[in-house]
Amino acid sequence: MSRFKALQSYILVRLLLAPLMLWTIVTIVFLLLRATPGDASDAILGNRAPESAKRALREQLGLNQPLWLQYVTYLGQLLRFDLGASITRKGVTVWQIIQQHFPATVELTFYGMLIAVIVGVGLGVYSASRPGTAIDVGGRLFGLITYSLPIFWVGMVLQLIFSVQLRWFPLGTRFPLSETPPRFLTGLYTIDSLLTGQLGQFLTTLYYLALPSFTLGILLSGIFERMVRVNLKQTLKADYVEAARARGIPEKRILVAHALKNALIPVITVLGLTFASLLGGAVLTEVTFSWPGLGNRLYEAISQRDYPTVQGLMAFFAMIVVLMSLLIDIINAYIDPRIRY
């Protein structure tokens, strides 16, 4: 079987397994929501509401039905691409919530990942090219520390320093409430402000993005720094690298043109999956900085026991991760001809 046909077979198998993965995730979410104490009627009406009012609300929401019937109804909705409607925000569907809040998550994720890649890959390459030096040791410590620190704690410390004490950056939110945000075109404020020629709105958007994206990016950069440093060190010891040195090729050219390309293959996989998981909601970052993204909305829905919203958003997140995972596997297969399926 040729490599192209083998790759086709692998992609076909992954496409067939994708619905099974999605079904597993949505089933686990469905069961976990109903296994936790309390229900949506308590969150909506409060614990002091009359029991008759709670029963009426449960009947209205279908929560009085048998569990299997709720599950079958939910799966039927998913097959029709119906993610349901919020029970705490009347008349608002989950798709409308995604349309409203997903661009904010995309924007935060993009700039956070941009910082993570620049810092992580740059520091990883720099430290790997100088093994055994203080720079190499510093790179190890940086990767270990940033990987270990909880993101909500770092976010609050940075808020305390740069927002409360120094007053350099705002505490949170995406745009000042006293000003009109960019006209909605894509939902991405940086893009919309540029498309409408509003340089002031663009700079304001970057100003509000700076602290949360820096927090997210710096803590993620440790993952990429460690992977690049370890893989690049191993690659620099390979036979073809030694052969390139024997031919008199400059060290910088060997590093960039020969070693770095192969060292970045596992990094691409982690990069894609990390990006997909963040698109699924950088919950802790968004909650810490009051960022109006899907992660923050998911946190609110869980707190309010808004079953349809939680289930719909988790299904949407799962779809992103499954599709990104498939895409990364295909890209890796084309980048590295040694991969066989």
C-alpha atoms as a PDB file:
ATOM      1  CA  MET A   1       0.000   0.000   0.000  1.00  0.00           C
ATOM      2  CA  SER A   2       1.418   3.390  -1.009  1.00  0.00           C
ATOM      3  CA  ARG A   3       1.928   6.087   1.561  1.00  0.00           C
ATOM      4  CA  PHE A   4      -0.840   8.214  -0.001  1.00  0.00           C
ATOM      5  CA  LYS A   5      -3.382   5.383   0.186  1.00  0.00           C
ATOM      6  CA  ALA A   6      -2.326   4.575   3.745  1.00  0.00           C
ATOM      7  CA  LEU A   7      -2.871   8.208   4.685  1.00  0.00           C
ATOM      8  CA  GLN A   8      -6.287   8.168   3.023  1.00  0.00           C
ATOM      9  CA  SER A   9      -7.267   5.073   5.004  1.00  0.00           C
ATOM     10  CA  TYR A  10      -6.081   6.674   8.244  1.00  0.00           C
ATOM     11  CA  ILE A  11      -8.072   9.852   7.586  1.00  0.00           C
ATOM     12  CA  LEU A  12     -11.162   7.791   6.763  1.00  0.00           C
ATOM     13  CA  VAL A  13     -10.836   5.843  10.024  1.00  0.00           C
ATOM     14  CA  ARG A  14     -10.412   9.071  11.996  1.00  0.00           C
ATOM     15  CA  LEU A  15     -13.482  10.577  10.337  1.00  0.00           C
ATOM     16  CA  LEU A  16     -15.490   7.489  11.271  1.00  0.00           C
ATOM     17  CA  LEU A  17     -14.234   7.607  14.864  1.00  0.00           C
ATOM     18  CA  ALA A  18     -14.961  11.327  15.282  1.00  0.00           C
ATOM     19  CA  PRO A  19     -18.718  10.860  15.906  1.00  0.00           C
ATOM     20  CA  LEU A  20     -17.910   8.175  18.502  1.00  0.00           C
ATOM     21  CA  MET A  21     -15.570  10.556  20.316  1.00  0.00           C
ATOM     22  CA  LEU A  22     -18.170  13.322  20.254  1.00  0.00           C
ATOM     23  CA  TRP A  23     -20.873  10.954  21.517  1.00  0.00           C
ATOM     24  CA  THR A  24     -18.638   9.841  24.401  1.00  0.00           C
ATOM     25  CA  ILE A  25     -17.918  13.415  25.479  1.00  0.00           C
ATOM     26  CA  VAL A  26     -21.512  14.654  25.335  1.00  0.00           C
ATOM     27  CA  THR A  27     -22.723  11.550  27.178  1.00  0.00           C
ATOM     28  CA  ILE A  28     -20.228  12.065  30.014  1.00  0.00           C
ATOM     29  CA  VAL A  29     -21.201  15.737  30.304  1.00  0.00           C
ATOM     30  CA  PHE A  30     -24.905  14.857  30.322  1.00  0.00           C
ATOM     31  CA  LEU A  31     -24.485  12.311  33.121  1.00  0.00           C
ATOM     32  CA  LEU A  32     -22.132  14.422  35.241  1.00  0.00           C
ATOM     33  CA  LEU A  33     -24.502  17.392  35.192  1.00  0.00           C
ATOM     34  CA  ARG A  34     -27.334  15.278  36.520  1.00  0.00           C
ATOM     35  CA  ALA A  35     -25.166  13.477  39.076  1.00  0.00           C
ATOM     36  CA  THR A  36     -24.303  16.699  40.922  1.00  0.00           C
ATOM     37  CA  PRO A  37     -26.547  17.824  43.804  1.00  0.00           C
ATOM     38  CA  GLY A  38     -29.428  20.230  43.161  1.00  0.00           C
ATOM     39  CA  ASP A  39     -31.027  21.158  39.860  1.00  0.00           C
ATOM     40  CA  ALA A  40     -31.793  24.126  37.652  1.00  0.00           C
ATOM     41  CA  SER A  41     -34.965  25.066  39.533  1.00  0.00           C
ATOM     42  CA  ASP A  42     -32.953  25.811  42.679  1.00  0.00           C
ATOM     43  CA  ALA A  43     -30.538  28.020  40.720  1.00  0.00           C
ATOM     44  CA  ILE A  44     -33.316  29.897  38.933  1.00  0.00           C
ATOM     45  CA  LEU A  45     -35.921  30.269  41.669  1.00  0.00           C
ATOM     46  CA  GLY A  46     -33.708  30.051  44.748  1.00  0.00           C
ATOM     47  CA  ASN A  47     -33.787  27.625  47.655  1.00  0.00           C
ATOM     48  CA  ARG A  48     -36.649  29.457  49.354  1.00  0.00           C
ATOM     49  CA  ALA A  49     -39.053  29.186  46.442  1.00  0.00           C
ATOM     50  CA  PRO A  50     -42.213  27.087  47.019  1.00  0.00           C
ATOM     51  CA  GLU A  51     -41.896  23.458  46.059  1.00  0.00           C
ATOM     52  CA  SER A  52     -44.932  23.790  43.792  1.00  0.00           C
ATOM     53  CA  ALA A  53     -43.165  26.488  41.769  1.00  0.00           C
ATOM     54  CA  LYS A  54     -40.068  24.303  41.509  1.00  0.00           C
ATOM     55  CA  ARG A  55     -42.124  21.338  40.292  1.00  0.00           C
ATOM     56  CA  ALA A  56     -43.828  23.499  37.687  1.00  0.00           C
ATOM     57  CA  LEU A  57     -40.474  24.764  36.441  1.00  0.00           C
ATOM     58  CA  ARG A  58     -39.004  21.251  36.300  1.00  0.00           C
ATOM     59  CA  GLU A  59     -41.992  20.129  34.252  1.00  0.00           C
ATOM     60  CA  GLN A  60     -41.603  23.119  31.926  1.00  0.00           C
ATOM     61  CA  LEU A  61     -37.920  22.359  31.404  1.00  0.00           C
ATOM     62  CA  GLY A  62     -38.475  18.613  31.001  1.00  0.00           C
ATOM     63  CA  LEU A  63     -36.399  17.773  34.075  1.00  0.00           C
ATOM     64  CA  ASN A  64     -39.204  15.669  35.521  1.00  0.00           C
ATOM     65  CA  GLN A  65     -38.914  13.192  32.659  1.00  0.00           C
ATOM     66  CA  PRO A  66     -37.019   9.918  33.056  1.00  0.00           C
ATOM     67  CA  LEU A  67     -33.267  10.243  32.573  1.00  0.00           C
ATOM     68  CA  TRP A  68     -33.235   8.031  29.478  1.00  0.00           C
ATOM     69  CA  LEU A  69     -35.919  10.154  27.819  1.00  0.00           C
ATOM     70  CA  GLN A  70     -33.979  13.359  28.539  1.00  0.00           C
ATOM     71  CA  TYR A  71     -30.893  11.712  27.067  1.00  0.00           C
ATOM     72  CA  VAL A  72     -32.652  10.533  23.897  1.00  0.00           C
ATOM     73  CA  THR A  73     -34.194  13.987  23.436  1.00  0.00           C
ATOM     74  CA  TYR A  74     -30.794  15.602  23.823  1.00  0.00           C
ATOM     75  CA  LEU A  75     -29.142  13.286  21.286  1.00  0.00           C
ATOM     76  CA  GLY A  76     -31.974  13.938  18.856  1.00  0.00           C
ATOM     77  CA  GLN A  77     -31.355  17.668  19.157  1.00  0.00           C
ATOM     78  CA  LEU A  78     -27.634  17.217  18.498  1.00  0.00           C
ATOM     79  CA  LEU A  79     -28.331  15.182  15.360  1.00  0.00           C
ATOM     80  CA  ARG A  80     -30.328  18.174  14.095  1.00  0.00           C
ATOM     81  CA  PHE A  81     -27.455  20.518  15.073  1.00  0.00           C
ATOM     82  CA  ASP A  82     -29.749  22.017  17.684  1.00  0.00           C
ATOM     83  CA  LEU A  83     -27.662  22.861  20.757  1.00  0.00           C
ATOM     84  CA  GLY A  84     -30.717  23.945  22.722  1.00  0.00           C
ATOM     85  CA  ALA A  85     -31.650  27.207  24.412  1.00  0.00           C
ATOM     86  CA  SER A  86     -30.576  28.767  27.682  1.00  0.00           C
ATOM     87  CA  ILE A  87     -32.968  28.328  30.595  1.00  0.00           C
ATOM     88  CA  THR A  88     -31.578  31.331  32.473  1.00  0.00           C
ATOM     89  CA  ARG A  89     -31.591  33.768  29.519  1.00  0.00           C
ATOM     90  CA  LYS A  90     -35.064  33.653  28.022  1.00  0.00           C
ATOM     91  CA  GLY A  91     -35.280  33.379  24.262  1.00  0.00           C
ATOM     92  CA  VAL A  92     -31.504  32.989  23.778  1.00  0.00           C
ATOM     93  CA  THR A  93     -30.254  29.860  22.018  1.00  0.00           C
ATOM     94  CA  VAL A  94     -26.836  28.301  22.548  1.00  0.00           C
ATOM     95  CA  TRP A  95     -25.904  29.133  18.954  1.00  0.00           C
ATOM     96  CA  GLN A  96     -26.632  32.797  19.696  1.00  0.00           C
ATOM     97  CA  ILE A  97     -24.428  32.604  22.790  1.00  0.00           C
ATOM     98  CA  ILE A  98     -21.637  31.121  20.660  1.00  0.00           C
ATOM     99  CA  GLN A  99     -22.064  33.828  18.037  1.00  0.00           C
ATOM    100  CA  GLN A 100     -21.939  36.525  20.690  1.00  0.00           C
ATOM    101  CA  HIS A 101     -19.080  35.276  22.887  1.00  0.00           C
ATOM    102  CA  PHE A 102     -16.899  33.025  20.704  1.00  0.00           C
ATOM    103  CA  PRO A 103     -15.104  35.901  18.872  1.00  0.00           C
ATOM    104  CA  ALA A 104     -13.813  37.212  22.211  1.00  0.00           C
ATOM    105  CA  THR A 105     -12.386  33.780  23.026  1.00  0.00           C
ATOM    106  CA  VAL A 106     -10.810  33.498  19.565  1.00  0.00           C
ATOM    107  CA  GLU A 107      -9.152  36.893  19.924  1.00  0.00           C
ATOM    108  CA  LEU A 108      -7.777  36.184  23.395  1.00  0.00           C
ATOM    109  CA  THR A 109      -6.596  32.723  22.317  1.00  0.00           C
ATOM    110  CA  PHE A 110      -4.883  34.000  19.172  1.00  0.00           C
ATOM    111  CA  TYR A 111      -2.854  36.700  20.903  1.00  0.00           C
ATOM    112  CA  GLY A 112      -2.089  34.470  23.867  1.00  0.00           C
ATOM    113  CA  MET A 113      -0.814  31.710  21.557  1.00  0.00           C
ATOM    114  CA  LEU A 114       1.164  34.256  19.535  1.00  0.00           C
ATOM    115  CA  ILE A 115       3.007  35.355  22.669  1.00  0.00           C
ATOM    116  CA  ALA A 116       3.462  31.736  23.770  1.00  0.00           C
ATOM    117  CA  VAL A 117       4.985  30.659  20.451  1.00  0.00           C
ATOM    118  CA  ILE A 118       7.304  33.670  20.125  1.00  0.00           C
ATOM    119  CA  VAL A 119       8.580  33.439  23.694  1.00  0.00           C
ATOM    120  CA  GLY A 120       8.545  29.648  24.035  1.00  0.00           C
ATOM    121  CA  VAL A 121      10.083  28.696  20.698  1.00  0.00           C
ATOM    122  CA  GLY A 122      12.575  31.567  20.788  1.00  0.00           C
ATOM    123  CA  LEU A 123      13.766  30.774  24.290  1.00  0.00           C
ATOM    124  CA  GLY A 124      13.816  27.042  23.539  1.00  0.00           C
ATOM    125  CA  VAL A 125      16.010  27.508  20.463  1.00  0.00           C
ATOM    126  CA  TYR A 126      18.306  29.952  22.262  1.00  0.00           C
ATOM    127  CA  SER A 127      18.847  27.694  25.275  1.00  0.00           C
ATOM    128  CA  ALA A 128      19.215  24.481  23.236  1.00  0.00           C
ATOM    129  CA  SER A 129      21.929  26.057  21.089  1.00  0.00           C
ATOM    130  CA  ARG A 130      23.949  26.801  24.238  1.00  0.00           C
ATOM    131  CA  PRO A 131      23.864  23.544  26.232  1.00  0.00           C
ATOM    132  CA  GLY A 132      25.344  23.513  29.706  1.00  0.00           C
ATOM    133  CA  THR A 133      25.438  27.301  30.017  1.00  0.00           C
ATOM    134  CA  ALA A 134      23.581  29.593  32.405  1.00  0.00           C
ATOM    135  CA  ILE A 135      21.168  30.381  29.584  1.00  0.00           C
ATOM    136  CA  ASP A 136      20.312  26.680  29.269  1.00  0.00           C
ATOM    137  CA  VAL A 137      19.721  26.384  33.009  1.00  0.00           C
ATOM    138  CA  GLY A 138      17.595  29.531  32.952  1.00  0.00           C
ATOM    139  CA  GLY A 139      15.505  28.083  30.144  1.00  0.00           C
ATOM    140  CA  ARG A 140      14.857  24.947  32.179  1.00  0.00           C
ATOM    141  CA  LEU A 141      13.792  26.978  35.201  1.00  0.00           C
ATOM    142  CA  PHE A 142      11.549  29.164  33.063  1.00  0.00           C
ATOM    143  CA  GLY A 143       9.809  26.145  31.552  1.00  0.00           C
ATOM    144  CA  LEU A 144       9.360  24.457  34.930  1.00  0.00           C
ATOM    145  CA  ILE A 145       8.064  27.562  36.717  1.00  0.00           C
ATOM    146  CA  THR A 146       5.635  28.703  34.022  1.00  0.00           C
ATOM    147  CA  TYR A 147       4.294  25.165  33.620  1.00  0.00           C
ATOM    148  CA  SER A 148       3.688  24.808  37.359  1.00  0.00           C
ATOM    149  CA  LEU A 149       2.098  28.146  38.254  1.00  0.00           C
ATOM    150  CA  PRO A 150      -1.730  28.266  38.318  1.00  0.00           C
ATOM    151  CA  ILE A 151      -2.982  30.721  35.732  1.00  0.00           C
ATOM    152  CA  PHE A 152      -5.655  32.307  37.949  1.00  0.00           C
ATOM    153  CA  TRP A 153      -3.060  33.089  40.644  1.00  0.00           C
ATOM    154  CA  VAL A 154      -0.648  34.632  38.139  1.00  0.00           C
ATOM    155  CA  GLY A 155      -3.507  36.633  36.639  1.00  0.00           C
ATOM    156  CA  MET A 156      -4.515  38.053  40.008  1.00  0.00           C
ATOM    157  CA  VAL A 157      -0.890  38.900  40.902  1.00  0.00           C
ATOM    158  CA  LEU A 158      -0.416  40.717  37.595  1.00  0.00           C
ATOM    159  CA  GLN A 159      -3.704  42.536  38.115  1.00  0.00           C
ATOM    160  CA  LEU A 160      -2.586  43.590  41.580  1.00  0.00           C
ATOM    161  CA  ILE A 161       0.760  44.889  40.293  1.00  0.00           C
ATOM    162  CA  PHE A 162      -0.051  46.396  36.899  1.00  0.00           C
ATOM    163  CA  SER A 163      -3.706  47.350  37.371  1.00  0.00           C
ATOM    164  CA  VAL A 164      -4.161  48.225  41.043  1.00  0.00           C
ATOM    165  CA  GLN A 165      -0.751  49.547  42.083  1.00  0.00           C
ATOM    166  CA  LEU A 166       0.846  50.851  38.872  1.00  0.00           C
ATOM    167  CA  ARG A 167      -2.466  51.512  37.044  1.00  0.00           C
ATOM    168  CA  TRP A 168      -0.877  50.689  33.695  1.00  0.00           C
ATOM    169  CA  PHE A 169      -3.616  48.329  32.486  1.00  0.00           C
ATOM    170  CA  PRO A 170      -7.338  47.860  33.174  1.00  0.00           C
ATOM    171  CA  LEU A 171      -8.469  45.181  35.613  1.00  0.00           C
ATOM    172  CA  GLY A 172     -10.545  43.372  33.031  1.00  0.00           C
ATOM    173  CA  THR A 173     -13.306  43.420  30.409  1.00  0.00           C
ATOM    174  CA  ARG A 174     -12.787  43.621  26.678  1.00  0.00           C
ATOM    175  CA  PHE A 175     -13.559  47.269  25.953  1.00  0.00           C
ATOM    176  CA  PRO A 176     -14.373  50.305  28.128  1.00  0.00           C
ATOM    177  CA  LEU A 177     -18.064  50.463  28.978  1.00  0.00           C
ATOM    178  CA  SER A 178     -18.111  54.223  28.447  1.00  0.00           C
ATOM    179  CA  GLU A 179     -17.059  53.880  24.779  1.00  0.00           C
ATOM    180  CA  THR A 180     -18.711  52.331  21.734  1.00  0.00           C
ATOM    181  CA  PRO A 181     -16.996  49.095  20.638  1.00  0.00           C
ATOM    182  CA  PRO A 182     -16.002  48.537  17.000  1.00  0.00           C
ATOM    183  CA  ARG A 183     -18.836  47.942  14.557  1.00  0.00           C
ATOM    184  CA  PHE A 184     -19.600  44.212  14.357  1.00  0.00           C
ATOM    185  CA  LEU A 185     -18.186  42.650  11.205  1.00  0.00           C
ATOM    186  CA  THR A 186     -16.271  39.591  12.343  1.00  0.00           C
ATOM    187  CA  GLY A 187     -16.697  39.973  16.109  1.00  0.00           C
ATOM    188  CA  LEU A 188     -12.917  40.321  16.481  1.00  0.00           C
ATOM    189  CA  TYR A 189     -12.377  43.853  17.762  1.00  0.00           C
ATOM    190  CA  THR A 190      -8.829  44.159  16.424  1.00  0.00           C
ATOM    191  CA  ILE A 191      -9.943  43.124  12.934  1.00  0.00           C
ATOM    192  CA  ASP A 192     -13.207  45.095  12.954  1.00  0.00           C
ATOM    193  CA  SER A 193     -11.500  48.307  14.088  1.00  0.00           C
ATOM    194  CA  LEU A 194      -8.942  48.028  11.289  1.00  0.00           C
ATOM    195  CA  LEU A 195     -11.565  47.214   8.662  1.00  0.00           C
ATOM    196  CA  THR A 196     -13.552  50.307   9.642  1.00  0.00           C
ATOM    197  CA  GLY A 197     -10.444  52.479   9.819  1.00  0.00           C
ATOM    198  CA  GLN A 198     -10.775  53.213  13.553  1.00  0.00           C
ATOM    199  CA  LEU A 199      -7.166  53.308  14.741  1.00  0.00           C
ATOM    200  CA  GLY A 200      -8.184  54.587  18.182  1.00  0.00           C
ATOM    201  CA  GLN A 201     -10.491  51.603  18.747  1.00  0.00           C
ATOM    202  CA  PHE A 202      -7.724  49.269  17.557  1.00  0.00           C
ATOM    203  CA  LEU A 203      -5.239  50.658  20.081  1.00  0.00           C
ATOM    204  CA  THR A 204      -7.867  50.547  22.836  1.00  0.00           C
ATOM    205  CA  THR A 205      -8.576  46.899  22.008  1.00  0.00           C
ATOM    206  CA  LEU A 206      -4.883  46.018  22.208  1.00  0.00           C
ATOM    207  CA  TYR A 207      -4.648  47.909  25.499  1.00  0.00           C
ATOM    208  CA  TYR A 208      -7.412  45.788  27.038  1.00  0.00           C
ATOM    209  CA  LEU A 209      -6.000  42.615  25.463  1.00  0.00           C
ATOM    210  CA  ALA A 210      -2.466  43.148  26.731  1.00  0.00           C
ATOM    211  CA  LEU A 211      -2.638  41.835  30.290  1.00  0.00           C
ATOM    212  CA  PRO A 212      -4.909  38.778  29.813  1.00  0.00           C
ATOM    213  CA  SER A 213      -3.147  37.664  26.604  1.00  0.00           C
ATOM    214  CA  PHE A 214       0.274  38.179  28.214  1.00  0.00           C
ATOM    215  CA  THR A 215      -0.787  36.117  31.239  1.00  0.00           C
ATOM    216  CA  LEU A 216      -2.102  33.305  29.064  1.00  0.00           C
ATOM    217  CA  GLY A 217       0.845  33.434  26.654  1.00  0.00           C
ATOM    218  CA  ILE A 218       3.642  33.469  29.224  1.00  0.00           C
ATOM    219  CA  LEU A 219       2.276  30.479  31.122  1.00  0.00           C
ATOM    220  CA  LEU A 220       1.753  28.510  27.898  1.00  0.00           C
ATOM    221  CA  SER A 221       5.200  29.445  26.588  1.00  0.00           C
ATOM    222  CA  GLY A 222       6.815  27.146  29.141  1.00  0.00           C
ATOM    223  CA  ILE A 223       5.278  24.125  27.407  1.00  0.00           C
ATOM    224  CA  PHE A 224       6.740  25.088  24.034  1.00  0.00           C
ATOM    225  CA  GLU A 225      10.098  26.086  25.533  1.00  0.00           C
ATOM    226  CA  ARG A 226      10.555  22.693  27.138  1.00  0.00           C
ATOM    227  CA  MET A 227       9.516  20.762  24.035  1.00  0.00           C
ATOM    228  CA  VAL A 228      11.659  22.805  21.643  1.00  0.00           C
ATOM    229  CA  ARG A 229      14.709  22.676  23.898  1.00  0.00           C
ATOM    230  CA  VAL A 230      14.542  18.902  24.453  1.00  0.00           C
ATOM    231  CA  ASN A 231      13.776  18.003  20.827  1.00  0.00           C
ATOM    232  CA  LEU A 232      16.300  20.432  19.393  1.00  0.00           C
ATOM    233  CA  LYS A 233      19.057  19.119  21.658  1.00  0.00           C
ATOM    234  CA  GLN A 234      18.378  15.590  20.433  1.00  0.00           C
ATOM    235  CA  THR A 235      18.210  16.703  16.822  1.00  0.00           C
ATOM    236  CA  LEU A 236      21.535  18.564  17.056  1.00  0.00           C
ATOM    237  CA  LYS A 237      23.176  15.251  17.982  1.00  0.00           C
ATOM    238  CA  ALA A 238      21.796  13.432  14.924  1.00  0.00           C
ATOM    239  CA  ASP A 239      24.107  11.980  12.259  1.00  0.00           C
ATOM    240  CA  TYR A 240      22.895  14.254   9.468  1.00  0.00           C
ATOM    241  CA  VAL A 241      23.662  17.294  11.620  1.00  0.00           C
ATOM    242  CA  GLU A 242      27.200  16.017  12.249  1.00  0.00           C
ATOM    243  CA  ALA A 243      27.569  15.398   8.524  1.00  0.00           C
ATOM    244  CA  ALA A 244      26.462  18.973   7.798  1.00  0.00           C
ATOM    245  CA  ARG A 245      29.058  20.277  10.247  1.00  0.00           C
ATOM    246  CA  ALA A 246      31.730  18.132   8.572  1.00  0.00           C
ATOM    247  CA  ARG A 247      30.895  19.747   5.231  1.00  0.00           C
ATOM    248  CA  GLY A 248      31.586  23.143   6.741  1.00  0.00           C
ATOM    249  CA  ILE A 249      28.003  24.435   6.778  1.00  0.00           C
ATOM    250  CA  PRO A 250      27.643  27.379   9.184  1.00  0.00           C
ATOM    251  CA  GLU A 251      26.147  26.508  12.573  1.00  0.00           C
ATOM    252  CA  LYS A 252      23.282  28.987  12.240  1.00  0.00           C
ATOM    253  CA  ARG A 253      22.252  27.477   8.906  1.00  0.00           C
ATOM    254  CA  ILE A 254      22.403  23.969  10.374  1.00  0.00           C
ATOM    255  CA  LEU A 255      20.248  25.097  13.283  1.00  0.00           C
ATOM    256  CA  VAL A 256      17.564  26.778  11.171  1.00  0.00           C
ATOM    257  CA  ALA A 257      17.522  24.765   7.944  1.00  0.00           C
ATOM    258  CA  HIS A 258      18.226  21.257   9.257  1.00  0.00           C
ATOM    259  CA  ALA A 259      17.654  20.764  12.982  1.00  0.00           C
ATOM    260  CA  LEU A 260      14.816  23.155  13.804  1.00  0.00           C
ATOM    261  CA  LYS A 261      12.432  21.811  11.151  1.00  0.00           C
ATOM    262  CA  ASN A 262      12.535  18.277  12.549  1.00  0.00           C
ATOM    263  CA  ALA A 263      12.494  19.473  16.162  1.00  0.00           C
ATOM    264  CA  LEU A 264       9.285  21.437  15.570  1.00  0.00           C
ATOM    265  CA  ILE A 265       7.204  18.443  14.409  1.00  0.00           C
ATOM    266  CA  PRO A 266       5.997  17.406  17.914  1.00  0.00           C
ATOM    267  CA  VAL A 267       5.612  21.096  18.798  1.00  0.00           C
ATOM    268  CA  ILE A 268       3.115  21.535  15.951  1.00  0.00           C
ATOM    269  CA  THR A 269       0.969  18.770  17.429  1.00  0.00           C
ATOM    270  CA  VAL A 270       0.956  20.343  20.886  1.00  0.00           C
ATOM    271  CA  LEU A 271       0.403  23.791  19.377  1.00  0.00           C
ATOM    272  CA  GLY A 272      -2.685  22.694  17.484  1.00  0.00           C
ATOM    273  CA  LEU A 273      -4.253  20.795  20.355  1.00  0.00           C
ATOM    274  CA  THR A 274      -3.472  23.591  22.839  1.00  0.00           C
ATOM    275  CA  PHE A 275      -5.031  26.138  20.513  1.00  0.00           C
ATOM    276  CA  ALA A 276      -8.126  23.957  20.117  1.00  0.00           C
ATOM    277  CA  SER A 277      -8.497  23.480  23.865  1.00  0.00           C
ATOM    278  CA  LEU A 278      -8.177  27.226  24.442  1.00  0.00           C
ATOM    279  CA  LEU A 279     -10.799  27.886  21.798  1.00  0.00           C
ATOM    280  CA  GLY A 280     -12.936  25.588  23.888  1.00  0.00           C
ATOM    281  CA  GLY A 281     -12.748  28.243  26.562  1.00  0.00           C
ATOM    282  CA  ALA A 282      -9.787  29.611  28.471  1.00  0.00           C
ATOM    283  CA  VAL A 283     -12.067  29.492  31.488  1.00  0.00           C
ATOM    284  CA  LEU A 284      -9.673  30.530  34.254  1.00  0.00           C
ATOM    285  CA  THR A 285      -8.180  33.400  32.259  1.00  0.00           C
ATOM    286  CA  GLU A 286     -11.561  34.710  31.151  1.00  0.00           C
ATOM    287  CA  VAL A 287     -13.067  34.520  34.631  1.00  0.00           C
ATOM    288  CA  THR A 288     -10.029  36.176  36.232  1.00  0.00           C
ATOM    289  CA  PHE A 289     -10.068  39.089  33.792  1.00  0.00           C
ATOM    290  CA  SER A 290     -13.870  39.260  33.363  1.00  0.00           C
ATOM    291  CA  TRP A 291     -13.333  38.539  29.680  1.00  0.00           C
ATOM    292  CA  PRO A 292     -16.693  38.084  27.885  1.00  0.00           C
ATOM    293  CA  GLY A 293     -15.774  34.876  26.089  1.00  0.00           C
ATOM    294  CA  LEU A 294     -17.253  31.398  25.925  1.00  0.00           C
ATOM    295  CA  GLY A 295     -15.144  30.223  28.854  1.00  0.00           C
ATOM    296  CA  ASN A 296     -16.656  32.859  31.115  1.00  0.00           C
ATOM    297  CA  ARG A 297     -20.141  32.065  29.820  1.00  0.00           C
ATOM    298  CA  LEU A 298     -19.564  28.356  30.493  1.00  0.00           C
ATOM    299  CA  TYR A 299     -18.539  29.141  34.063  1.00  0.00           C
ATOM    300  CA  GLU A 300     -21.732  31.160  34.570  1.00  0.00           C
ATOM    301  CA  ALA A 301     -23.863  28.403  33.049  1.00  0.00           C
ATOM    302  CA  ILE A 302     -22.320  25.782  35.351  1.00  0.00           C
ATOM    303  CA  SER A 303     -22.880  28.013  38.386  1.00  0.00           C
ATOM    304  CA  GLN A 304     -26.523  28.528  37.387  1.00  0.00           C
ATOM    305  CA  ARG A 305     -26.979  24.856  36.437  1.00  0.00           C
ATOM    306  CA  ASP A 306     -28.070  25.894  32.972  1.00  0.00           C
ATOM    307  CA  TYR A 307     -28.071  22.354  31.554  1.00  0.00           C
ATOM    308  CA  PRO A 308     -28.762  23.143  27.876  1.00  0.00           C
ATOM    309  CA  THR A 309     -26.077  25.844  27.726  1.00  0.00           C
ATOM    310  CA  VAL A 310     -23.419  23.672  29.386  1.00  0.00           C
ATOM    311  CA  GLN A 311     -24.264  20.679  27.196  1.00  0.00           C
ATOM    312  CA  GLY A 312     -24.372  22.752  24.008  1.00  0.00           C
ATOM    313  CA  LEU A 313     -21.099  24.569  24.697  1.00  0.00           C
ATOM    314  CA  MET A 314     -19.309  21.350  25.623  1.00  0.00           C
ATOM    315  CA  ALA A 315     -20.512  19.731  22.402  1.00  0.00           C
ATOM    316  CA  PHE A 316     -19.212  22.740  20.473  1.00  0.00           C
ATOM    317  CA  PHE A 317     -15.857  22.571  22.284  1.00  0.00           C
ATOM    318  CA  ALA A 318     -15.577  18.833  21.636  1.00  0.00           C
ATOM    319  CA  MET A 319     -16.203  19.357  17.937  1.00  0.00           C
ATOM    320  CA  ILE A 320     -13.386  21.921  17.762  1.00  0.00           C
ATOM    321  CA  VAL A 321     -10.905  19.623  19.519  1.00  0.00           C
ATOM    322  CA  VAL A 322     -11.780  16.589  17.361  1.00  0.00           C
ATOM    323  CA  LEU A 323     -11.498  18.541  14.106  1.00  0.00           C
ATOM    324  CA  MET A 324      -8.243  20.209  15.152  1.00  0.00           C
ATOM    325  CA  SER A 325      -6.771  16.867  16.189  1.00  0.00           C
ATOM    326  CA  LEU A 326      -7.555  15.420  12.760  1.00  0.00           C
ATOM    327  CA  LEU A 327      -6.109  18.462  11.011  1.00  0.00           C
ATOM    328  CA  ILE A 328      -2.871  18.299  13.017  1.00  0.00           C
ATOM    329  CA  ASP A 329      -2.408  14.604  12.196  1.00  0.00           C
ATOM    330  CA  ILE A 330      -2.770  15.356   8.491  1.00  0.00           C
ATOM    331  CA  ILE A 331      -0.311  18.269   8.651  1.00  0.00           C
ATOM    332  CA  ASN A 332       2.238  16.156  10.522  1.00  0.00           C
ATOM    333  CA  ALA A 333       1.932  13.397   7.954  1.00  0.00           C
ATOM    334  CA  TYR A 334       2.774  15.789   5.130  1.00  0.00           C
ATOM    335  CA  ILE A 335       5.574  17.541   7.036  1.00  0.00           C
ATOM    336  CA  ASP A 336       7.334  14.362   8.170  1.00  0.00           C
ATOM    337  CA  PRO A 337       7.643  11.709   5.425  1.00  0.00           C
ATOM    338  CA  ARG A 338       8.814   9.171   8.045  1.00  0.00           C
ATOM    339  CA  ILE A 339       5.295   8.940   9.483  1.00  0.00           C
ATOM    340  CA  ARG A 340       3.431   5.805   8.388  1.00  0.00           C
ATOM    341  CA  TYR A 341      -0.172   4.845   9.074  1.00  0.00           C
END
